[in-house]
Amino acid sequence: MENLTESPAAAPAAPAGRRERPWREIAAVLVVGLALVAAPLAFSMFERAPKGAAMIDGFAPYMTDERLATYERHVADLDAGIRQSETAIAALLGGPGAVDARSPAFAAFRATWPAIRDDMTAMLATIRANVPNYEAVAALPDFALFPWFFVAPGVLLVLLALAAAGPATWRRLRWGVVAVGVGLVAAPLAFSMFERAPKGAQMIAAFQTIETHAKVEQIQGYFGEIAVGQGAIRLELVPALERRGLTPREIEQRFPAAVAIVERWPSILGDLTPLIGAMSDNVDNYDAVRALPSFRLLPWLFVAASALVVLVVAGGRRRRASDPLTGGAAPA
């Protein structure tokens, strides 16, 4: 009878698994670590991120206001020379119909030039509008390193979880887990990713219409058409003016815009060709970056992983402190 009256007062023994080792926290940390390691593999970041780095480096010489102002001036000069040819020169040579009959090559070109001008102007406007976005992305760490920003903390979390052999070990190692979690948030803050990454997303979206093989081939075709047009001015319209009795000096004085595109065409072509070459060289790199998760998500992926590990550790500590089976007295 004495034993029966004393047994209700005795506290029930805690299950060994719960008393001996915080399995749930360790398992959760292990899962988060493995997820961080797996993310770059799932998105092929080890292959795609270096291509993004190559694209950023490849665009660097051309993503400046000074360089773009030169390109815009070239398009404006071409437009002025072609307009002068189809108006003032045409008037002196008998009108647009007479010029078209005299130079079918120029007639064909002046019919297509407005569309070429508008397309090239729109392309340069898109690039110029994204110079600040490009600068924001270029200011981030080398894009080729981004997979390791996931893998390194992921490996640390996995090692910490595997090393937690007992309650005493876990009590020490959990602060390492918290440190990794804090680091996951600190890195995006240190590199201003919350500000810069969305600008990268804007640039990728804006370049969707211009950074394609079809668009690059179209622009390369424009150069051929412009070469034919300026050649017609140089080889057909200017000689026709000379036959009208105008000297080369008089032609230059009366039609400076038309003469300028003839004289400056080699330098115009020399300036624009590297830009189009860079666009062509980076189409595949752009496609690789576009296949990655949106730049907007990058900082939040780190924040989510950080929040999970910190909440796991904090939640486990509170749960053990309030668990009647552990009595709340043992250190968590």
Protein backbone atom coordinates (compact mmCIF):
# COMPACT_ATOMS: atom_id res chain seq x y z
CA MET A 1 0.00 0.00 0.00
CA GLU A 2 2.87 2.33 0.81
CA ASN A 3 4.32 1.86 -2.69
CA LEU A 4 0.96 2.53 -4.31
CA THR A 5 0.54 5.85 -2.54
CA GLU A 6 4.04 7.05 -3.44
CA SER A 7 4.08 6.12 -7.14
CA PRO A 8 1.70 8.86 -8.41
CA ALA A 9 4.03 11.53 -7.05
CA ALA A 10 7.03 10.23 -9.01
CA ALA A 11 7.75 12.06 -12.28
CA PRO A 12 7.55 9.84 -15.35
CA ALA A 13 10.86 9.03 -16.95
CA ALA A 14 11.59 10.97 -20.12
CA PRO A 15 11.94 8.91 -23.26
CA ALA A 16 15.59 8.35 -23.94
CA GLY A 17 15.53 9.89 -27.43
CA ARG A 18 14.04 13.15 -26.21
CA ARG A 19 16.26 13.38 -23.14
CA GLU A 20 19.48 12.33 -24.80
CA ARG A 21 19.50 14.16 -28.10
CA PRO A 22 17.53 16.97 -29.83
CA TRP A 23 16.85 14.94 -32.96
CA ARG A 24 14.34 17.25 -34.55
CA GLU A 25 16.54 20.34 -34.49
CA ILE A 26 19.54 18.45 -35.80
CA ALA A 27 17.48 16.86 -38.59
CA ALA A 28 16.03 20.23 -39.58
CA VAL A 29 19.46 21.85 -39.72
CA LEU A 30 20.73 18.93 -41.78
CA VAL A 31 17.83 19.31 -44.24
CA VAL A 32 18.42 23.06 -44.63
CA GLY A 33 22.14 22.45 -45.21
CA LEU A 34 21.48 19.80 -47.82
CA ALA A 35 18.94 22.06 -49.52
CA LEU A 36 21.50 24.86 -49.76
CA VAL A 37 24.04 22.47 -51.28
CA ALA A 38 21.45 21.06 -53.69
CA ALA A 39 20.08 24.42 -54.91
CA PRO A 40 23.03 25.30 -57.19
CA LEU A 41 22.97 21.78 -58.62
CA ALA A 42 19.22 21.90 -59.24
CA PHE A 43 19.53 25.20 -61.14
CA SER A 44 22.77 24.27 -62.94
CA MET A 45 24.43 27.27 -61.35
CA PHE A 46 27.94 25.86 -61.65
CA GLU A 47 27.47 25.92 -65.43
CA ARG A 48 25.31 29.02 -65.79
CA ALA A 49 26.83 31.41 -63.26
CA PRO A 50 30.25 31.61 -65.01
CA LYS A 51 28.39 32.45 -68.21
CA GLY A 52 26.69 35.28 -66.35
CA ALA A 53 30.09 36.51 -65.22
CA ALA A 54 31.33 36.36 -68.82
CA MET A 55 28.30 38.36 -69.99
CA ILE A 56 28.88 41.06 -67.39
CA ASP A 57 32.54 41.33 -68.40
CA GLY A 58 31.68 41.26 -72.10
CA PHE A 59 29.23 44.17 -71.84
CA ALA A 60 31.52 46.31 -69.65
CA PRO A 61 33.13 48.42 -72.43
CA TYR A 62 29.77 49.34 -73.95
CA MET A 63 27.56 50.03 -70.93
CA THR A 64 28.68 53.62 -70.40
CA ASP A 65 26.85 56.86 -71.10
CA GLU A 66 29.80 58.17 -73.11
CA ARG A 67 29.96 55.14 -75.40
CA LEU A 68 26.20 55.08 -75.90
CA ALA A 69 26.16 58.81 -76.70
CA THR A 70 28.63 58.07 -79.51
CA TYR A 71 26.39 55.34 -80.92
CA GLU A 72 23.32 57.59 -80.73
CA ARG A 73 25.22 60.37 -82.50
CA HIS A 74 26.17 57.94 -85.29
CA VAL A 75 22.51 57.03 -85.86
CA ALA A 76 21.51 60.71 -85.79
CA ASP A 77 24.27 61.59 -88.30
CA LEU A 78 23.20 58.79 -90.62
CA ASP A 79 19.62 60.00 -90.43
CA ALA A 80 20.61 63.60 -91.18
CA GLY A 81 22.71 62.58 -94.19
CA ILE A 82 20.04 60.33 -95.64
CA ARG A 83 17.36 62.99 -95.16
CA GLN A 84 19.50 65.58 -96.87
CA SER A 85 20.14 63.20 -99.75
CA GLU A 86 16.46 62.46 -100.32
CA THR A 87 15.41 66.10 -100.01
CA ALA A 88 17.99 68.78 -100.84
CA ILE A 89 20.14 66.68 -103.16
CA ALA A 90 17.07 65.15 -104.78
CA ALA A 91 15.63 68.61 -105.40
CA LEU A 92 18.77 69.68 -107.23
CA LEU A 93 18.82 66.49 -109.29
CA GLY A 94 15.21 66.71 -110.46
CA GLY A 95 13.20 65.43 -107.50
CA PRO A 96 12.86 62.14 -105.62
CA GLY A 97 11.56 60.33 -108.68
CA ALA A 98 14.59 61.34 -110.74
CA VAL A 99 16.95 60.30 -107.94
CA ASP A 100 15.20 56.94 -107.59
CA ALA A 101 15.51 56.36 -111.31
CA ARG A 102 19.17 57.40 -111.27
CA SER A 103 20.00 55.25 -108.21
CA PRO A 104 17.71 52.26 -107.54
CA ALA A 105 20.07 51.23 -104.71
CA PHE A 106 19.49 54.52 -102.91
CA ALA A 107 15.77 54.33 -103.61
CA ALA A 108 15.56 50.91 -101.96
CA PHE A 109 17.63 52.02 -99.00
CA ARG A 110 15.76 55.23 -98.26
CA ALA A 111 12.53 53.22 -98.18
CA THR A 112 13.88 50.90 -95.48
CA TRP A 113 15.91 53.43 -93.51
CA PRO A 114 13.08 54.74 -91.24
CA ALA A 115 12.45 51.24 -89.88
CA ILE A 116 16.20 50.65 -89.44
CA ARG A 117 16.62 54.00 -87.67
CA ASP A 118 13.69 53.39 -85.33
CA ASP A 119 14.84 49.88 -84.46
CA MET A 120 18.43 50.91 -83.75
CA THR A 121 17.25 53.92 -81.76
CA ALA A 122 14.98 51.72 -79.65
CA MET A 123 17.79 49.22 -79.07
CA LEU A 124 20.20 51.93 -77.90
CA ALA A 125 17.48 53.46 -75.71
CA THR A 126 16.93 50.08 -74.04
CA ILE A 127 20.65 49.69 -73.39
CA ARG A 128 21.00 53.25 -72.07
CA ALA A 129 18.02 52.86 -69.74
CA ASN A 130 19.69 49.81 -68.23
CA VAL A 131 23.12 51.29 -67.59
CA PRO A 132 22.28 51.86 -63.88
CA ASN A 133 20.91 48.31 -63.67
CA TYR A 134 24.06 46.92 -65.26
CA GLU A 135 26.25 48.92 -62.88
CA ALA A 136 24.30 47.51 -59.93
CA VAL A 137 24.86 43.93 -61.12
CA ALA A 138 28.52 44.57 -61.92
CA ALA A 139 29.00 45.87 -58.37
CA LEU A 140 27.98 42.51 -56.92
CA PRO A 141 30.63 39.84 -56.25
CA ASP A 142 31.84 37.88 -59.27
CA PHE A 143 28.78 36.03 -60.52
CA ALA A 144 30.83 32.84 -60.92
CA LEU A 145 31.07 32.71 -57.10
CA PHE A 146 27.33 32.67 -56.50
CA PRO A 147 26.94 28.87 -56.38
CA TRP A 148 29.50 28.79 -53.57
CA PHE A 149 27.45 31.30 -51.57
CA PHE A 150 24.91 28.47 -51.25
CA VAL A 151 27.28 25.54 -51.01
CA ALA A 152 29.66 26.93 -48.36
CA PRO A 153 27.03 27.64 -45.67
CA GLY A 154 25.18 24.47 -46.65
CA VAL A 155 28.26 22.32 -46.06
CA LEU A 156 28.87 24.06 -42.73
CA LEU A 157 25.32 23.31 -41.59
CA VAL A 158 25.62 19.66 -42.64
CA LEU A 159 28.92 19.27 -40.78
CA LEU A 160 27.53 20.91 -37.66
CA ALA A 161 24.46 18.67 -37.71
CA LEU A 162 26.52 15.52 -38.19
CA ALA A 163 28.93 16.53 -35.43
CA ALA A 164 26.15 16.90 -32.83
CA ALA A 165 26.80 13.56 -31.11
CA GLY A 166 25.01 14.36 -27.85
CA PRO A 167 23.15 17.04 -25.89
CA ALA A 168 26.32 18.65 -24.59
CA THR A 169 27.84 18.74 -28.09
CA TRP A 170 24.66 20.18 -29.58
CA ARG A 171 24.54 22.91 -26.93
CA ARG A 172 27.92 24.09 -28.17
CA LEU A 173 27.41 23.53 -31.88
CA ARG A 174 24.01 25.18 -32.07
CA TRP A 175 25.74 28.56 -31.69
CA GLY A 176 27.74 27.70 -34.79
CA VAL A 177 24.43 27.00 -36.54
CA VAL A 178 23.12 30.40 -35.42
CA ALA A 179 26.33 32.04 -36.67
CA VAL A 180 25.86 30.45 -40.10
CA GLY A 181 22.25 31.65 -40.10
CA VAL A 182 23.31 35.19 -39.27
CA GLY A 183 25.94 35.02 -42.00
CA LEU A 184 23.31 34.02 -44.53
CA VAL A 185 21.52 37.32 -43.85
CA ALA A 186 24.68 39.38 -43.44
CA ALA A 187 26.05 38.52 -46.89
CA PRO A 188 23.12 39.96 -48.89
CA LEU A 189 23.14 43.05 -46.67
CA ALA A 190 26.90 43.54 -47.04
CA PHE A 191 26.66 43.38 -50.83
CA SER A 192 23.46 45.51 -51.05
CA MET A 193 21.74 42.62 -52.79
CA PHE A 194 18.26 43.76 -51.75
CA GLU A 195 18.83 46.92 -53.80
CA ARG A 196 21.02 45.60 -56.61
CA ALA A 197 19.46 42.21 -57.37
CA PRO A 198 16.06 43.63 -58.45
CA LYS A 199 17.89 45.96 -60.84
CA GLY A 200 19.58 42.92 -62.34
CA ALA A 201 16.16 41.35 -62.83
CA GLN A 202 15.00 44.51 -64.63
CA MET A 203 17.99 44.38 -66.98
CA ILE A 204 17.46 40.71 -67.80
CA ALA A 205 13.79 41.38 -68.56
CA ALA A 206 14.58 44.44 -70.70
CA PHE A 207 17.23 42.64 -72.78
CA GLN A 208 14.82 39.85 -73.65
CA THR A 209 13.90 41.58 -76.93
CA ILE A 210 17.41 42.56 -78.03
CA GLU A 211 19.75 39.83 -76.78
CA THR A 212 18.70 37.13 -79.24
CA HIS A 213 20.37 35.54 -82.24
CA ALA A 214 17.54 36.76 -84.49
CA LYS A 215 17.89 40.38 -83.36
CA VAL A 216 21.68 40.35 -83.69
CA GLU A 217 21.44 38.94 -87.20
CA GLN A 218 18.85 41.57 -88.09
CA ILE A 219 21.12 44.40 -86.92
CA GLN A 220 24.08 42.92 -88.76
CA GLY A 221 21.87 42.98 -91.86
CA TYR A 222 21.19 46.66 -91.24
CA PHE A 223 24.89 47.39 -91.57
CA GLY A 224 24.88 45.83 -95.00
CA GLU A 225 21.92 47.97 -96.05
CA ILE A 226 23.51 51.14 -94.67
CA ALA A 227 26.74 50.32 -96.50
CA VAL A 228 24.78 50.05 -99.76
CA GLY A 229 22.97 53.33 -99.05
CA GLN A 230 26.07 55.38 -98.31
CA GLY A 231 27.78 53.73 -101.26
CA ALA A 232 24.96 54.93 -103.51
CA ILE A 233 25.40 58.47 -102.20
CA ARG A 234 29.16 58.33 -102.75
CA LEU A 235 29.18 56.56 -106.12
CA GLU A 236 25.99 57.83 -107.75
CA LEU A 237 24.52 60.97 -106.16
CA VAL A 238 27.78 62.87 -105.56
CA PRO A 239 29.03 62.21 -109.14
CA ALA A 240 25.63 63.37 -110.42
CA LEU A 241 26.11 66.64 -108.51
CA GLU A 242 29.57 67.02 -110.00
CA ARG A 243 28.13 66.56 -113.45
CA ARG A 244 25.80 69.44 -112.58
CA GLY A 245 28.90 71.60 -112.22
CA LEU A 246 29.39 71.54 -108.45
CA THR A 247 32.92 71.21 -107.17
CA PRO A 248 33.73 68.87 -104.27
CA ARG A 249 34.09 71.89 -101.99
CA GLU A 250 30.71 73.26 -103.06
CA ILE A 251 29.10 69.87 -102.52
CA GLU A 252 30.58 69.67 -99.01
CA GLN A 253 29.39 73.19 -98.17
CA ARG A 254 25.87 72.73 -99.50
CA PHE A 255 25.30 69.12 -98.36
CA PRO A 256 27.51 68.63 -95.28
CA ALA A 257 25.34 65.93 -93.68
CA ALA A 258 25.34 63.74 -96.80
CA VAL A 259 29.09 64.17 -97.30
CA ALA A 260 29.73 63.47 -93.61
CA ILE A 261 28.18 59.99 -93.62
CA VAL A 262 30.22 59.07 -96.70
CA GLU A 263 33.45 60.23 -95.07
CA ARG A 264 32.65 58.89 -91.60
CA TRP A 265 31.11 55.56 -92.54
CA PRO A 266 34.29 53.56 -91.82
CA SER A 267 34.55 55.02 -88.32
CA ILE A 268 30.80 54.57 -87.72
CA LEU A 269 31.05 50.95 -88.75
CA GLY A 270 34.19 50.53 -86.66
CA ASP A 271 32.41 51.85 -83.56
CA LEU A 272 29.16 49.93 -83.90
CA THR A 273 30.59 46.57 -84.99
CA PRO A 274 32.19 45.71 -81.60
CA LEU A 275 28.89 46.44 -79.82
CA ILE A 276 27.00 44.08 -82.08
CA GLY A 277 29.82 41.57 -81.75
CA ALA A 278 29.52 41.67 -77.96
CA MET A 279 25.76 41.19 -78.22
CA SER A 280 26.28 38.22 -80.53
CA ASP A 281 28.96 36.66 -78.34
CA ASN A 282 26.76 36.86 -75.25
CA VAL A 283 23.41 35.56 -76.48
CA ASP A 284 24.09 32.11 -75.03
CA ASN A 285 25.43 33.65 -71.82
CA TYR A 286 22.29 35.76 -71.51
CA ASP A 287 20.11 32.69 -72.04
CA ALA A 288 22.00 30.90 -69.27
CA VAL A 289 21.41 33.76 -66.81
CA ARG A 290 17.77 34.03 -67.81
CA ALA A 291 17.33 30.32 -67.03
CA LEU A 292 18.38 30.91 -63.42
CA PRO A 293 15.89 31.94 -60.73
CA SER A 294 15.08 35.64 -60.88
CA PHE A 295 17.70 37.98 -59.47
CA ARG A 296 14.94 39.35 -57.23
CA LEU A 297 14.80 36.04 -55.37
CA LEU A 298 18.51 35.67 -54.63
CA PRO A 299 18.71 37.66 -51.38
CA TRP A 300 15.44 36.17 -50.14
CA LEU A 301 16.73 32.63 -50.61
CA PHE A 302 19.49 33.42 -48.14
CA VAL A 303 17.05 35.09 -45.77
CA ALA A 304 14.70 32.10 -45.88
CA ALA A 305 17.51 29.66 -45.11
CA SER A 306 18.73 31.90 -42.29
CA ALA A 307 15.29 32.22 -40.77
CA LEU A 308 14.78 28.45 -40.83
CA VAL A 309 17.97 27.55 -39.00
CA VAL A 310 17.62 30.32 -36.42
CA LEU A 311 13.98 29.44 -35.75
CA VAL A 312 14.86 25.76 -35.47
CA VAL A 313 17.48 26.44 -32.82
CA ALA A 314 15.38 28.99 -30.93
CA GLY A 315 12.23 26.87 -31.11
CA GLY A 316 14.02 23.74 -29.91
CA ARG A 317 15.51 25.58 -26.97
CA ARG A 318 12.15 26.99 -25.88
CA ARG A 319 10.46 23.62 -26.29
CA ARG A 320 12.98 21.80 -24.11
CA ALA A 321 12.92 24.54 -21.49
CA SER A 322 9.14 24.14 -21.11
CA ASP A 323 8.99 20.34 -21.54
CA PRO A 324 7.79 18.71 -18.28
CA LEU A 325 9.67 15.55 -19.23
CA THR A 326 12.97 17.42 -19.02
CA GLY A 327 11.83 19.50 -16.10
CA GLY A 328 12.99 22.71 -17.72
CA ALA A 329 16.09 22.57 -15.60
CA ALA A 330 18.58 20.96 -17.89
CA PRO A 331 20.38 23.29 -20.25
CA ALA A 332 19.02 23.17 -23.77
